Protein backbone atom coordinates (compact mmCIF):
# COMPACT_ATOMS: atom_id res chain seq x y z
CA MET A 1 93.43 57.72 -128.89
CA ILE A 2 90.71 55.37 -127.72
CA VAL A 3 89.72 54.73 -131.37
CA MET A 4 92.45 52.43 -132.31
CA PRO A 5 92.47 50.03 -129.13
CA GLY A 6 88.62 50.15 -129.58
CA GLU A 7 88.82 48.92 -133.14
CA GLY A 8 91.34 45.96 -131.98
CA VAL A 9 88.75 44.84 -129.31
CA VAL A 10 85.88 44.96 -131.91
CA LEU A 11 88.18 42.88 -134.36
CA ALA A 12 89.07 40.35 -131.63
CA ILE A 13 85.47 39.88 -130.61
CA LEU A 14 84.28 39.34 -134.34
CA ILE A 15 87.23 36.97 -134.91
CA SER A 16 86.33 34.98 -131.68
CA LEU A 17 82.72 34.84 -132.47
CA ILE A 18 83.33 33.89 -136.24
CA PHE A 19 85.77 31.06 -135.33
CA THR A 20 84.69 29.83 -131.90
CA HIS A 21 81.02 31.00 -131.74
CA ASP A 22 82.06 32.16 -128.27
CA LEU A 23 83.89 35.03 -126.67
CA LYS A 24 87.32 33.45 -125.88
CA GLY A 25 90.27 35.70 -125.11
CA VAL A 26 88.20 38.89 -124.67
CA ARG A 27 87.60 39.68 -121.03
CA GLU A 28 87.57 42.35 -118.53
CA GLY A 29 91.42 43.13 -119.04
CA THR A 30 90.88 43.76 -122.65
CA ILE A 31 88.15 46.26 -122.07
CA LEU A 32 89.98 47.88 -119.38
CA SER A 33 93.05 48.39 -121.51
CA VAL A 34 90.91 50.00 -124.28
CA LEU A 35 89.54 52.39 -121.64
CA PHE A 36 92.79 53.42 -119.95
CA THR A 37 95.32 53.40 -122.87
CA GLY A 38 94.35 56.81 -124.26
CA ARG A 39 94.21 58.29 -120.79
CA TRP A 40 97.73 57.09 -119.89
CA VAL A 41 98.97 58.45 -123.31
CA ASP A 42 97.45 61.89 -122.75
CA TRP A 43 98.81 62.06 -119.24
CA PHE A 44 102.41 61.16 -120.46
CA GLN A 45 102.10 63.82 -123.39
CA GLN A 46 101.03 66.47 -120.95
CA HIS A 47 103.73 65.79 -118.53
CA ASP A 48 106.79 65.98 -120.77
CA PHE A 49 109.16 63.61 -119.04
CA PHE A 50 112.83 63.18 -120.11
CA LEU A 51 111.90 60.04 -121.97
CA GLY A 52 109.77 62.04 -124.29
CA ARG A 53 112.41 64.72 -124.83
CA PHE A 54 114.80 61.72 -125.41
CA LEU A 55 112.70 60.17 -127.96
CA THR A 56 111.89 63.43 -129.93
CA SER A 57 115.32 65.10 -129.75
CA GLU A 58 116.75 66.24 -133.03
CA SER A 59 120.06 64.94 -134.09
């Protein structure tokens, strides 16, 4: 799950370096969100909360 947010950060870094020749807008919050997004999603998937059952309920 970390692959997609990680790709987004790499893309943001490349765009920032290409257009501004400096890292602007990519700071510690961006890196932390990449590291923790996958872990939060895994935790929510393991603990089948009512929201998950609500979103995946069949009609």
